Amino acid sequence: MDEPRSEADTRLQPSLFDVDSRGRQLKGWTNKLIWGDNKLILSSLKNGPLREEIEAQGGIKLIYIDPPFDVGADFSMDIEIGGDTFTKRANILEEIAYRDTWGKGADSFISMIYEQLVLMRDLLAEDGSIYVHLDYRVDSLIRLAMDEIFGPINFRNSIIVQRRITKNLQRQFETIQALNCGNDTIFWYTKNHGTRFKPMYVPMETTKPKGYWHHFWSNADRPTMRYELLGVTHTRGQWKWSEERAQRAIQNYQEYLEHSDVDLVEYWNTTGEALEFIRLSDRFIRLSDRGKVENWYPPADKRIADTIWTDIHAYENEKV
């Protein structure tokens, strides 16, 4: 009990990864921060020994890149540490890299990023996605390049990300040249058009605790989805659901009216929060003489996210 611990016992707890004397990870391809030329690193990942291991683990599912925006020569940034703010200046390598990128104009940048995007496409798994963060300076050019590389059919969304506006000097002038830029853009592409995703949800701005009724008719035009429903038949557009599903929802609402004396939300809760309802409303007689077919949406405090992202911020706005 009184013997000193051995050398092995006094070591610090082992890290999650095996590393050499310089702290470099000896094996594995995850959780790596790689510093080097982007194109060379991508080529190494594509053709090097890690490629087989990456694919064995399911491949790369997501790539996010944030290329330069052609913003000029000042690449410094303010960093807050505690209560103090320090300015981080670009080192000589960063200055050379950005100067080389933009020194010959946008053509040189597009040529450079095109080659890198091709490598990224080849590295992506078949069900992978790529997100490219841009602003107004080059977004139209990159969109054309990505359409060519990934195919227009694999374009999913153009996501708008709000900028954090810190200061706007325009207010001191009687006239302005343009509106202040308040957003960046993120292009989302997939490698395969057949890839599907689970929806993302965000809090609703306003909630409807009693749910709400909404017209069951859609502007889409599928003749096979046009059928008689509660005496209403359309010659254009379509119903939202299949006839079997719609008829079942009508029956659900009839049973509610016949056998329940509570409001629809309480009835829906007591029946497992799974039933769907359709009714014929005479509130708005527009599409037919009989009335308006409506389906009921239950109470919700969240909605499926769209392409306007205001809950996160991109870069600070230009002080112009």
C-alpha atoms as a PDB file:
ATOM      1  CA  MET A   1       0.000   0.000   0.000  1.00  0.00           C
ATOM      2  CA  ASP A   2       2.906   2.356   0.764  1.00  0.00           C
ATOM      3  CA  GLU A   3       4.763   1.645  -2.480  1.00  0.00           C
ATOM      4  CA  PRO A   4       4.975   4.553  -4.951  1.00  0.00           C
ATOM      5  CA  ARG A   5       2.894   4.363  -8.093  1.00  0.00           C
ATOM      6  CA  SER A   6       4.603   3.142 -11.208  1.00  0.00           C
ATOM      7  CA  GLU A   7       5.458   5.415 -14.116  1.00  0.00           C
ATOM      8  CA  ALA A   8       2.512   4.047 -16.075  1.00  0.00           C
ATOM      9  CA  ASP A   9       0.098   4.796 -13.242  1.00  0.00           C
ATOM     10  CA  THR A  10       1.047   8.464 -13.016  1.00  0.00           C
ATOM     11  CA  ARG A  11       0.265   9.301 -16.623  1.00  0.00           C
ATOM     12  CA  LEU A  12      -2.643  11.546 -17.411  1.00  0.00           C
ATOM     13  CA  GLN A  13      -5.859   9.903 -18.510  1.00  0.00           C
ATOM     14  CA  PRO A  14      -5.421   8.730 -22.130  1.00  0.00           C
ATOM     15  CA  SER A  15      -7.003  10.871 -24.813  1.00  0.00           C
ATOM     16  CA  LEU A  16      -9.801   9.701 -27.085  1.00  0.00           C
ATOM     17  CA  PHE A  17      -7.344   9.290 -29.950  1.00  0.00           C
ATOM     18  CA  ASP A  18      -3.941   7.692 -30.340  1.00  0.00           C
ATOM     19  CA  VAL A  19      -1.413  10.441 -31.012  1.00  0.00           C
ATOM     20  CA  ASP A  20       2.317  10.631 -31.640  1.00  0.00           C
ATOM     21  CA  SER A  21       4.860  12.701 -29.712  1.00  0.00           C
ATOM     22  CA  ARG A  22       3.790  15.824 -31.619  1.00  0.00           C
ATOM     23  CA  GLY A  23       0.124  15.357 -30.761  1.00  0.00           C
ATOM     24  CA  ARG A  24      -0.895  14.200 -34.238  1.00  0.00           C
ATOM     25  CA  GLN A  25      -3.647  11.616 -34.521  1.00  0.00           C
ATOM     26  CA  LEU A  26      -2.184   8.290 -35.625  1.00  0.00           C
ATOM     27  CA  LYS A  27      -5.298   6.721 -37.098  1.00  0.00           C
ATOM     28  CA  GLY A  28      -8.894   7.457 -37.891  1.00  0.00           C
ATOM     29  CA  TRP A  29     -10.387  10.135 -40.144  1.00  0.00           C
ATOM     30  CA  THR A  30     -12.941  11.795 -37.859  1.00  0.00           C
ATOM     31  CA  ASN A  31     -12.432  14.867 -35.667  1.00  0.00           C
ATOM     32  CA  LYS A  32      -9.548  16.171 -37.721  1.00  0.00           C
ATOM     33  CA  LEU A  33      -8.621  19.824 -38.104  1.00  0.00           C
ATOM     34  CA  ILE A  34      -6.382  19.980 -41.162  1.00  0.00           C
ATOM     35  CA  TRP A  35      -4.322  23.069 -41.972  1.00  0.00           C
ATOM     36  CA  GLY A  36      -3.112  23.284 -45.541  1.00  0.00           C
ATOM     37  CA  ASP A  37      -4.004  23.987 -49.132  1.00  0.00           C
ATOM     38  CA  ASN A  38      -7.672  23.188 -49.659  1.00  0.00           C
ATOM     39  CA  LYS A  39      -7.225  21.551 -53.047  1.00  0.00           C
ATOM     40  CA  LEU A  40      -4.306  19.391 -51.926  1.00  0.00           C
ATOM     41  CA  ILE A  41      -6.180  18.226 -48.832  1.00  0.00           C
ATOM     42  CA  LEU A  42      -9.270  17.327 -50.865  1.00  0.00           C
ATOM     43  CA  SER A  43      -7.167  15.424 -53.390  1.00  0.00           C
ATOM     44  CA  SER A  44      -5.473  13.560 -50.559  1.00  0.00           C
ATOM     45  CA  LEU A  45      -8.813  12.599 -49.010  1.00  0.00           C
ATOM     46  CA  LYS A  46     -10.139  11.478 -52.373  1.00  0.00           C
ATOM     47  CA  ASN A  47      -7.135   9.431 -53.532  1.00  0.00           C
ATOM     48  CA  GLY A  48      -5.198   8.764 -50.333  1.00  0.00           C
ATOM     49  CA  PRO A  49      -5.336   5.910 -47.816  1.00  0.00           C
ATOM     50  CA  LEU A  50      -8.186   7.465 -45.822  1.00  0.00           C
ATOM     51  CA  ARG A  51     -10.643   7.164 -48.730  1.00  0.00           C
ATOM     52  CA  GLU A  52     -11.355   3.482 -48.108  1.00  0.00           C
ATOM     53  CA  GLU A  53     -11.866   4.048 -44.389  1.00  0.00           C
ATOM     54  CA  ILE A  54     -14.166   7.010 -45.033  1.00  0.00           C
ATOM     55  CA  GLU A  55     -16.356   5.007 -47.382  1.00  0.00           C
ATOM     56  CA  ALA A  56     -16.393   2.037 -45.017  1.00  0.00           C
ATOM     57  CA  GLN A  57     -17.952   4.314 -42.394  1.00  0.00           C
ATOM     58  CA  GLY A  58     -20.701   5.461 -44.757  1.00  0.00           C
ATOM     59  CA  GLY A  59     -18.892   8.256 -46.529  1.00  0.00           C
ATOM     60  CA  ILE A  60     -19.036  12.012 -46.055  1.00  0.00           C
ATOM     61  CA  LYS A  61     -22.637  13.061 -45.486  1.00  0.00           C
ATOM     62  CA  LEU A  62     -22.216  16.819 -45.217  1.00  0.00           C
ATOM     63  CA  ILE A  63     -19.807  19.459 -46.454  1.00  0.00           C
ATOM     64  CA  TYR A  64     -20.031  23.132 -45.460  1.00  0.00           C
ATOM     65  CA  ILE A  65     -17.705  25.704 -46.988  1.00  0.00           C
ATOM     66  CA  ASP A  66     -17.416  29.437 -46.518  1.00  0.00           C
ATOM     67  CA  PRO A  67     -15.214  30.737 -49.359  1.00  0.00           C
ATOM     68  CA  PRO A  68     -14.002  34.360 -49.554  1.00  0.00           C
ATOM     69  CA  PHE A  69     -16.532  36.949 -50.655  1.00  0.00           C
ATOM     70  CA  ASP A  70     -14.206  39.280 -52.599  1.00  0.00           C
ATOM     71  CA  VAL A  71     -14.269  41.699 -49.698  1.00  0.00           C
ATOM     72  CA  GLY A  72     -10.945  43.482 -50.260  1.00  0.00           C
ATOM     73  CA  ALA A  73      -7.624  43.355 -48.488  1.00  0.00           C
ATOM     74  CA  ASP A  74      -8.578  43.665 -44.796  1.00  0.00           C
ATOM     75  CA  PHE A  75      -8.964  40.182 -43.301  1.00  0.00           C
ATOM     76  CA  SER A  76      -8.616  41.156 -39.654  1.00  0.00           C
ATOM     77  CA  MET A  77     -11.239  40.212 -37.083  1.00  0.00           C
ATOM     78  CA  ASP A  78     -12.089  41.251 -33.534  1.00  0.00           C
ATOM     79  CA  ILE A  79     -11.923  38.491 -30.913  1.00  0.00           C
ATOM     80  CA  GLU A  80     -13.421  38.914 -27.436  1.00  0.00           C
ATOM     81  CA  ILE A  81     -11.526  37.257 -24.585  1.00  0.00           C
ATOM     82  CA  GLY A  82     -13.036  37.905 -21.207  1.00  0.00           C
ATOM     83  CA  GLY A  83     -13.784  41.590 -21.074  1.00  0.00           C
ATOM     84  CA  ASP A  84     -11.124  42.568 -23.584  1.00  0.00           C
ATOM     85  CA  THR A  85     -11.269  42.765 -27.375  1.00  0.00           C
ATOM     86  CA  PHE A  86      -8.263  41.892 -29.518  1.00  0.00           C
ATOM     87  CA  THR A  87      -7.820  42.354 -33.264  1.00  0.00           C
ATOM     88  CA  LYS A  88      -6.515  39.301 -35.079  1.00  0.00           C
ATOM     89  CA  ARG A  89      -4.600  40.290 -38.209  1.00  0.00           C
ATOM     90  CA  ALA A  90      -4.181  37.988 -41.194  1.00  0.00           C
ATOM     91  CA  ASN A  91      -0.785  36.311 -41.291  1.00  0.00           C
ATOM     92  CA  ILE A  92       1.422  36.453 -44.364  1.00  0.00           C
ATOM     93  CA  LEU A  93       0.171  33.088 -45.665  1.00  0.00           C
ATOM     94  CA  GLU A  94      -3.458  34.184 -45.404  1.00  0.00           C
ATOM     95  CA  GLU A  95      -2.718  37.488 -47.108  1.00  0.00           C
ATOM     96  CA  ILE A  96      -0.956  35.734 -49.975  1.00  0.00           C
ATOM     97  CA  ALA A  97      -3.724  33.141 -50.311  1.00  0.00           C
ATOM     98  CA  TYR A  98      -6.485  35.726 -50.539  1.00  0.00           C
ATOM     99  CA  ARG A  99      -4.462  38.088 -52.715  1.00  0.00           C
ATOM    100  CA  ASP A 100      -3.713  35.266 -55.152  1.00  0.00           C
ATOM    101  CA  THR A 101      -7.361  34.302 -55.191  1.00  0.00           C
ATOM    102  CA  TRP A 102      -8.674  37.729 -56.058  1.00  0.00           C
ATOM    103  CA  GLY A 103      -5.655  39.380 -57.610  1.00  0.00           C
ATOM    104  CA  LYS A 104      -6.742  38.236 -61.069  1.00  0.00           C
ATOM    105  CA  GLY A 105     -10.416  38.982 -60.560  1.00  0.00           C
ATOM    106  CA  ALA A 106     -13.512  36.830 -60.141  1.00  0.00           C
ATOM    107  CA  ASP A 107     -12.492  34.569 -63.053  1.00  0.00           C
ATOM    108  CA  SER A 108      -9.515  33.243 -61.096  1.00  0.00           C
ATOM    109  CA  PHE A 109     -11.696  32.600 -58.061  1.00  0.00           C
ATOM    110  CA  ILE A 110     -14.363  30.729 -60.037  1.00  0.00           C
ATOM    111  CA  SER A 111     -11.667  28.609 -61.671  1.00  0.00           C
ATOM    112  CA  MET A 112     -10.216  27.765 -58.272  1.00  0.00           C
ATOM    113  CA  ILE A 113     -13.521  27.023 -56.518  1.00  0.00           C
ATOM    114  CA  TYR A 114     -14.809  25.007 -59.493  1.00  0.00           C
ATOM    115  CA  GLU A 115     -11.981  22.473 -59.151  1.00  0.00           C
ATOM    116  CA  GLN A 116     -12.550  22.226 -55.416  1.00  0.00           C
ATOM    117  CA  LEU A 117     -16.301  21.727 -55.804  1.00  0.00           C
ATOM    118  CA  VAL A 118     -15.671  18.852 -58.222  1.00  0.00           C
ATOM    119  CA  LEU A 119     -13.459  17.184 -55.630  1.00  0.00           C
ATOM    120  CA  MET A 120     -16.083  17.744 -52.933  1.00  0.00           C
ATOM    121  CA  ARG A 121     -18.781  16.220 -55.120  1.00  0.00           C
ATOM    122  CA  ASP A 122     -16.647  13.122 -55.647  1.00  0.00           C
ATOM    123  CA  LEU A 123     -16.003  12.848 -51.901  1.00  0.00           C
ATOM    124  CA  LEU A 124     -19.673  13.098 -50.920  1.00  0.00           C
ATOM    125  CA  ALA A 125     -21.633   9.958 -50.129  1.00  0.00           C
ATOM    126  CA  GLU A 126     -24.503   9.224 -52.490  1.00  0.00           C
ATOM    127  CA  ASP A 127     -26.929  10.631 -49.904  1.00  0.00           C
ATOM    128  CA  GLY A 128     -24.650  13.530 -48.960  1.00  0.00           C
ATOM    129  CA  SER A 129     -25.278  17.288 -49.040  1.00  0.00           C
ATOM    130  CA  ILE A 130     -23.126  20.359 -49.546  1.00  0.00           C
ATOM    131  CA  TYR A 131     -23.800  23.851 -48.196  1.00  0.00           C
ATOM    132  CA  VAL A 132     -21.937  26.838 -49.643  1.00  0.00           C
ATOM    133  CA  HIS A 133     -22.073  30.146 -47.748  1.00  0.00           C
ATOM    134  CA  LEU A 134     -21.836  33.254 -49.959  1.00  0.00           C
ATOM    135  CA  ASP A 135     -22.942  36.849 -50.268  1.00  0.00           C
ATOM    136  CA  TYR A 136     -24.138  39.037 -53.129  1.00  0.00           C
ATOM    137  CA  ARG A 137     -20.690  39.472 -54.698  1.00  0.00           C
ATOM    138  CA  VAL A 138     -20.321  35.955 -56.077  1.00  0.00           C
ATOM    139  CA  ASP A 139     -23.531  34.035 -55.338  1.00  0.00           C
ATOM    140  CA  SER A 140     -24.849  34.198 -58.918  1.00  0.00           C
ATOM    141  CA  LEU A 141     -21.536  32.947 -60.313  1.00  0.00           C
ATOM    142  CA  ILE A 142     -21.256  30.095 -57.832  1.00  0.00           C
ATOM    143  CA  ARG A 143     -24.875  29.073 -58.456  1.00  0.00           C
ATOM    144  CA  LEU A 144     -24.104  28.561 -62.151  1.00  0.00           C
ATOM    145  CA  ALA A 145     -20.962  26.573 -61.321  1.00  0.00           C
ATOM    146  CA  MET A 146     -22.810  24.354 -58.848  1.00  0.00           C
ATOM    147  CA  ASP A 147     -25.615  23.730 -61.320  1.00  0.00           C
ATOM    148  CA  GLU A 148     -23.017  22.489 -63.762  1.00  0.00           C
ATOM    149  CA  ILE A 149     -21.153  20.349 -61.230  1.00  0.00           C
ATOM    150  CA  PHE A 150     -24.013  18.869 -59.213  1.00  0.00           C
ATOM    151  CA  GLY A 151     -26.793  19.281 -61.776  1.00  0.00           C
ATOM    152  CA  PRO A 152     -29.742  21.701 -61.515  1.00  0.00           C
ATOM    153  CA  ILE A 153     -31.962  18.815 -60.392  1.00  0.00           C
ATOM    154  CA  ASN A 154     -29.865  18.469 -57.225  1.00  0.00           C
ATOM    155  CA  PHE A 155     -30.359  22.080 -56.141  1.00  0.00           C
ATOM    156  CA  ARG A 156     -32.455  22.004 -52.971  1.00  0.00           C
ATOM    157  CA  ASN A 157     -32.626  25.503 -51.521  1.00  0.00           C
ATOM    158  CA  SER A 158     -31.192  28.978 -51.382  1.00  0.00           C
ATOM    159  CA  ILE A 159     -31.186  29.714 -47.653  1.00  0.00           C
ATOM    160  CA  ILE A 160     -31.246  33.307 -46.429  1.00  0.00           C
ATOM    161  CA  VAL A 161     -29.185  33.959 -43.295  1.00  0.00           C
ATOM    162  CA  GLN A 162     -29.603  37.267 -41.508  1.00  0.00           C
ATOM    163  CA  ARG A 163     -26.572  39.428 -40.862  1.00  0.00           C
ATOM    164  CA  ARG A 164     -26.009  41.058 -37.498  1.00  0.00           C
ATOM    165  CA  ILE A 165     -26.284  44.781 -38.186  1.00  0.00           C
ATOM    166  CA  THR A 166     -23.850  46.677 -35.985  1.00  0.00           C
ATOM    167  CA  LYS A 167     -23.692  50.133 -37.506  1.00  0.00           C
ATOM    168  CA  ASN A 168     -25.163  51.821 -40.533  1.00  0.00           C
ATOM    169  CA  LEU A 169     -23.625  55.125 -41.563  1.00  0.00           C
ATOM    170  CA  GLN A 170     -26.112  55.639 -44.377  1.00  0.00           C
ATOM    171  CA  ARG A 171     -28.519  57.523 -42.139  1.00  0.00           C
ATOM    172  CA  GLN A 172     -26.243  60.571 -42.133  1.00  0.00           C
ATOM    173  CA  PHE A 173     -26.817  61.108 -45.882  1.00  0.00           C
ATOM    174  CA  GLU A 174     -29.898  62.458 -47.624  1.00  0.00           C
ATOM    175  CA  THR A 175     -29.534  59.967 -50.475  1.00  0.00           C
ATOM    176  CA  ILE A 176     -28.049  56.463 -50.628  1.00  0.00           C
ATOM    177  CA  GLN A 177     -26.587  54.416 -53.443  1.00  0.00           C
ATOM    178  CA  ALA A 178     -28.194  51.103 -52.401  1.00  0.00           C
ATOM    179  CA  LEU A 179     -29.897  49.393 -49.490  1.00  0.00           C
ATOM    180  CA  ASN A 180     -27.702  48.059 -46.726  1.00  0.00           C
ATOM    181  CA  CYS A 181     -26.970  44.343 -47.167  1.00  0.00           C
ATOM    182  CA  GLY A 182     -28.793  42.432 -44.432  1.00  0.00           C
ATOM    183  CA  ASN A 183     -28.296  38.821 -45.447  1.00  0.00           C
ATOM    184  CA  ASP A 184     -25.984  36.143 -46.791  1.00  0.00           C
ATOM    185  CA  THR A 185     -26.972  33.120 -48.869  1.00  0.00           C
ATOM    186  CA  ILE A 186     -26.322  29.425 -48.347  1.00  0.00           C
ATOM    187  CA  PHE A 187     -26.768  27.188 -51.399  1.00  0.00           C
ATOM    188  CA  TRP A 188     -27.827  23.630 -50.552  1.00  0.00           C
ATOM    189  CA  TYR A 189     -27.178  20.895 -53.100  1.00  0.00           C
ATOM    190  CA  THR A 190     -27.290  17.115 -52.863  1.00  0.00           C
ATOM    191  CA  LYS A 191     -25.347  14.519 -54.774  1.00  0.00           C
ATOM    192  CA  ASN A 192     -28.427  12.435 -55.550  1.00  0.00           C
ATOM    193  CA  HIS A 193     -31.860  13.765 -56.419  1.00  0.00           C
ATOM    194  CA  GLY A 194     -33.573  10.860 -54.670  1.00  0.00           C
ATOM    195  CA  THR A 195     -32.186  11.740 -51.239  1.00  0.00           C
ATOM    196  CA  ARG A 196     -34.848  12.601 -48.652  1.00  0.00           C
ATOM    197  CA  PHE A 197     -34.497  14.312 -45.283  1.00  0.00           C
ATOM    198  CA  LYS A 198     -36.403  14.494 -42.034  1.00  0.00           C
ATOM    199  CA  PRO A 199     -37.979  17.941 -41.581  1.00  0.00           C
ATOM    200  CA  MET A 200     -36.457  20.472 -39.211  1.00  0.00           C
ATOM    201  CA  TYR A 201     -38.807  22.285 -36.834  1.00  0.00           C
ATOM    202  CA  VAL A 202     -38.675  25.794 -35.397  1.00  0.00           C
ATOM    203  CA  PRO A 203     -40.948  27.539 -32.881  1.00  0.00           C
ATOM    204  CA  MET A 204     -44.079  29.108 -34.346  1.00  0.00           C
ATOM    205  CA  GLU A 205     -44.326  32.891 -34.226  1.00  0.00           C
ATOM    206  CA  THR A 206     -48.018  32.653 -33.307  1.00  0.00           C
ATOM    207  CA  THR A 207     -49.805  29.579 -32.011  1.00  0.00           C
ATOM    208  CA  LYS A 208     -53.407  28.468 -32.451  1.00  0.00           C
ATOM    209  CA  PRO A 209     -54.359  26.532 -29.292  1.00  0.00           C
ATOM    210  CA  LYS A 210     -57.667  25.415 -30.836  1.00  0.00           C
ATOM    211  CA  GLY A 211     -56.143  24.394 -34.128  1.00  0.00           C
ATOM    212  CA  TYR A 212     -57.606  25.783 -37.327  1.00  0.00           C
ATOM    213  CA  TRP A 213     -59.540  24.830 -40.455  1.00  0.00           C
ATOM    214  CA  HIS A 214     -58.053  25.378 -43.890  1.00  0.00           C
ATOM    215  CA  HIS A 215     -59.327  24.741 -47.404  1.00  0.00           C
ATOM    216  CA  PHE A 216     -58.707  21.215 -48.616  1.00  0.00           C
ATOM    217  CA  TRP A 217     -58.203  22.259 -52.224  1.00  0.00           C
ATOM    218  CA  SER A 218     -54.720  22.680 -53.721  1.00  0.00           C
ATOM    219  CA  ASN A 219     -53.431  24.655 -56.698  1.00  0.00           C
ATOM    220  CA  ALA A 220     -51.453  21.624 -57.860  1.00  0.00           C
ATOM    221  CA  ASP A 221     -53.101  19.940 -60.826  1.00  0.00           C
ATOM    222  CA  ARG A 222     -53.271  16.155 -60.710  1.00  0.00           C
ATOM    223  CA  PRO A 223     -56.433  14.819 -62.356  1.00  0.00           C
ATOM    224  CA  THR A 224     -56.161  11.567 -60.388  1.00  0.00           C
ATOM    225  CA  MET A 225     -56.599  13.586 -57.181  1.00  0.00           C
ATOM    226  CA  ARG A 226     -59.867  15.162 -58.341  1.00  0.00           C
ATOM    227  CA  TYR A 227     -62.920  13.269 -57.138  1.00  0.00           C
ATOM    228  CA  GLU A 228     -66.306  14.067 -55.647  1.00  0.00           C
ATOM    229  CA  LEU A 229     -66.059  14.997 -52.002  1.00  0.00           C
ATOM    230  CA  LEU A 230     -69.091  16.069 -49.936  1.00  0.00           C
ATOM    231  CA  GLY A 231     -70.871  16.836 -53.190  1.00  0.00           C
ATOM    232  CA  VAL A 232     -68.039  19.031 -54.497  1.00  0.00           C
ATOM    233  CA  THR A 233     -66.105  18.171 -57.651  1.00  0.00           C
ATOM    234  CA  HIS A 234     -63.456  20.475 -59.107  1.00  0.00           C
ATOM    235  CA  THR A 235     -62.501  20.802 -62.753  1.00  0.00           C
ATOM    236  CA  ARG A 236     -59.077  22.190 -61.906  1.00  0.00           C
ATOM    237  CA  GLY A 237     -56.620  21.801 -59.071  1.00  0.00           C
ATOM    238  CA  GLN A 238     -56.815  18.796 -56.784  1.00  0.00           C
ATOM    239  CA  TRP A 239     -57.636  17.620 -53.274  1.00  0.00           C
ATOM    240  CA  LYS A 240     -54.696  17.334 -50.885  1.00  0.00           C
ATOM    241  CA  TRP A 241     -55.119  13.683 -49.922  1.00  0.00           C
ATOM    242  CA  SER A 242     -56.131  10.444 -51.542  1.00  0.00           C
ATOM    243  CA  GLU A 243     -59.873   9.719 -51.693  1.00  0.00           C
ATOM    244  CA  GLU A 244     -59.608   6.921 -49.137  1.00  0.00           C
ATOM    245  CA  ARG A 245     -57.843   9.135 -46.617  1.00  0.00           C
ATOM    246  CA  ALA A 246     -60.261  12.007 -47.194  1.00  0.00           C
ATOM    247  CA  GLN A 247     -63.341   9.822 -46.765  1.00  0.00           C
ATOM    248  CA  ARG A 248     -61.927   8.468 -43.511  1.00  0.00           C
ATOM    249  CA  ALA A 249     -61.387  12.050 -42.250  1.00  0.00           C
ATOM    250  CA  ILE A 250     -65.007  12.917 -43.114  1.00  0.00           C
ATOM    251  CA  GLN A 251     -66.197   9.902 -41.133  1.00  0.00           C
ATOM    252  CA  ASN A 252     -64.025  10.937 -38.184  1.00  0.00           C
ATOM    253  CA  TYR A 253     -65.667  14.363 -38.096  1.00  0.00           C
ATOM    254  CA  GLN A 254     -69.166  12.893 -38.369  1.00  0.00           C
ATOM    255  CA  GLU A 255     -68.453  10.610 -35.416  1.00  0.00           C
ATOM    256  CA  TYR A 256     -67.216  13.589 -33.436  1.00  0.00           C
ATOM    257  CA  LEU A 257     -70.432  15.538 -34.108  1.00  0.00           C
ATOM    258  CA  GLU A 258     -72.636  12.571 -33.235  1.00  0.00           C
ATOM    259  CA  HIS A 259     -70.939  11.230 -30.122  1.00  0.00           C
ATOM    260  CA  SER A 260     -69.030  14.036 -28.439  1.00  0.00           C
ATOM    261  CA  ASP A 261     -70.074  17.124 -26.487  1.00  0.00           C
ATOM    262  CA  VAL A 262     -66.550  18.512 -26.009  1.00  0.00           C
ATOM    263  CA  ASP A 263     -64.591  20.792 -28.303  1.00  0.00           C
ATOM    264  CA  LEU A 264     -62.631  19.282 -31.164  1.00  0.00           C
ATOM    265  CA  VAL A 265     -59.210  19.695 -29.501  1.00  0.00           C
ATOM    266  CA  GLU A 266     -60.277  17.776 -26.391  1.00  0.00           C
ATOM    267  CA  TYR A 267     -61.871  15.059 -28.529  1.00  0.00           C
ATOM    268  CA  TRP A 268     -58.698  14.806 -30.599  1.00  0.00           C
ATOM    269  CA  ASN A 269     -56.625  14.502 -27.416  1.00  0.00           C
ATOM    270  CA  THR A 270     -58.795  11.734 -25.939  1.00  0.00           C
ATOM    271  CA  THR A 271     -58.691   9.717 -29.166  1.00  0.00           C
ATOM    272  CA  GLY A 272     -54.903   9.565 -29.328  1.00  0.00           C
ATOM    273  CA  GLU A 273     -54.067  12.764 -31.232  1.00  0.00           C
ATOM    274  CA  ALA A 274     -54.028  10.825 -34.481  1.00  0.00           C
ATOM    275  CA  LEU A 275     -57.407  11.439 -36.114  1.00  0.00           C
ATOM    276  CA  GLU A 276     -57.831  13.703 -39.153  1.00  0.00           C
ATOM    277  CA  PHE A 277     -61.019  15.680 -39.860  1.00  0.00           C
ATOM    278  CA  ILE A 278     -62.701  17.105 -42.961  1.00  0.00           C
ATOM    279  CA  ARG A 279     -65.923  19.112 -43.065  1.00  0.00           C
ATOM    280  CA  LEU A 280     -68.036  21.176 -45.436  1.00  0.00           C
ATOM    281  CA  SER A 281     -68.067  24.818 -44.410  1.00  0.00           C
ATOM    282  CA  ASP A 282     -70.454  27.506 -45.628  1.00  0.00           C
ATOM    283  CA  ARG A 283     -68.253  30.349 -44.392  1.00  0.00           C
ATOM    284  CA  PHE A 284     -66.775  31.002 -47.828  1.00  0.00           C
ATOM    285  CA  ILE A 285     -68.699  29.860 -50.871  1.00  0.00           C
ATOM    286  CA  ARG A 286     -66.209  30.411 -53.655  1.00  0.00           C
ATOM    287  CA  LEU A 287     -65.267  27.171 -55.325  1.00  0.00           C
ATOM    288  CA  SER A 288     -68.749  25.684 -55.574  1.00  0.00           C
ATOM    289  CA  ASP A 289     -72.383  26.377 -54.709  1.00  0.00           C
ATOM    290  CA  ARG A 290     -72.348  23.799 -51.949  1.00  0.00           C
ATOM    291  CA  GLY A 291     -69.627  25.303 -49.789  1.00  0.00           C
ATOM    292  CA  LYS A 292     -65.975  24.936 -48.961  1.00  0.00           C
ATOM    293  CA  VAL A 293     -64.309  21.651 -48.066  1.00  0.00           C
ATOM    294  CA  GLU A 294     -61.856  22.124 -45.188  1.00  0.00           C
ATOM    295  CA  ASN A 295     -59.449  19.950 -43.280  1.00  0.00           C
ATOM    296  CA  TRP A 296     -58.488  20.586 -39.667  1.00  0.00           C
ATOM    297  CA  TYR A 297     -54.944  21.284 -38.471  1.00  0.00           C
ATOM    298  CA  PRO A 298     -54.370  20.409 -34.795  1.00  0.00           C
ATOM    299  CA  PRO A 299     -52.700  22.782 -32.282  1.00  0.00           C
ATOM    300  CA  ALA A 300     -48.953  23.156 -32.739  1.00  0.00           C
ATOM    301  CA  ASP A 301     -46.168  25.191 -31.177  1.00  0.00           C
ATOM    302  CA  LYS A 302     -43.639  24.513 -33.948  1.00  0.00           C
ATOM    303  CA  ARG A 303     -43.554  24.492 -37.719  1.00  0.00           C
ATOM    304  CA  ILE A 304     -41.349  23.039 -40.413  1.00  0.00           C
ATOM    305  CA  ALA A 305     -38.401  25.347 -41.047  1.00  0.00           C
ATOM    306  CA  ASP A 306     -38.255  27.282 -44.301  1.00  0.00           C
ATOM    307  CA  THR A 307     -35.398  29.049 -46.087  1.00  0.00           C
ATOM    308  CA  ILE A 308     -35.462  32.224 -43.973  1.00  0.00           C
ATOM    309  CA  TRP A 309     -33.095  31.738 -41.030  1.00  0.00           C
ATOM    310  CA  THR A 310     -33.285  34.610 -38.562  1.00  0.00           C
ATOM    311  CA  ASP A 311     -32.426  32.666 -35.405  1.00  0.00           C
ATOM    312  CA  ILE A 312     -28.726  32.577 -36.314  1.00  0.00           C
ATOM    313  CA  HIS A 313     -26.531  35.326 -37.673  1.00  0.00           C
ATOM    314  CA  ALA A 314     -23.955  35.458 -40.426  1.00  0.00           C
ATOM    315  CA  TYR A 315     -21.215  38.051 -40.462  1.00  0.00           C
ATOM    316  CA  GLU A 316     -21.578  41.538 -39.136  1.00  0.00           C
ATOM    317  CA  ASN A 317     -23.020  43.942 -41.632  1.00  0.00           C
ATOM    318  CA  GLU A 318     -20.781  46.294 -43.544  1.00  0.00           C
ATOM    319  CA  LYS A 319     -20.304  49.630 -41.853  1.00  0.00           C
ATOM    320  CA  VAL A 320     -21.183  51.749 -44.843  1.00  0.00           C
END
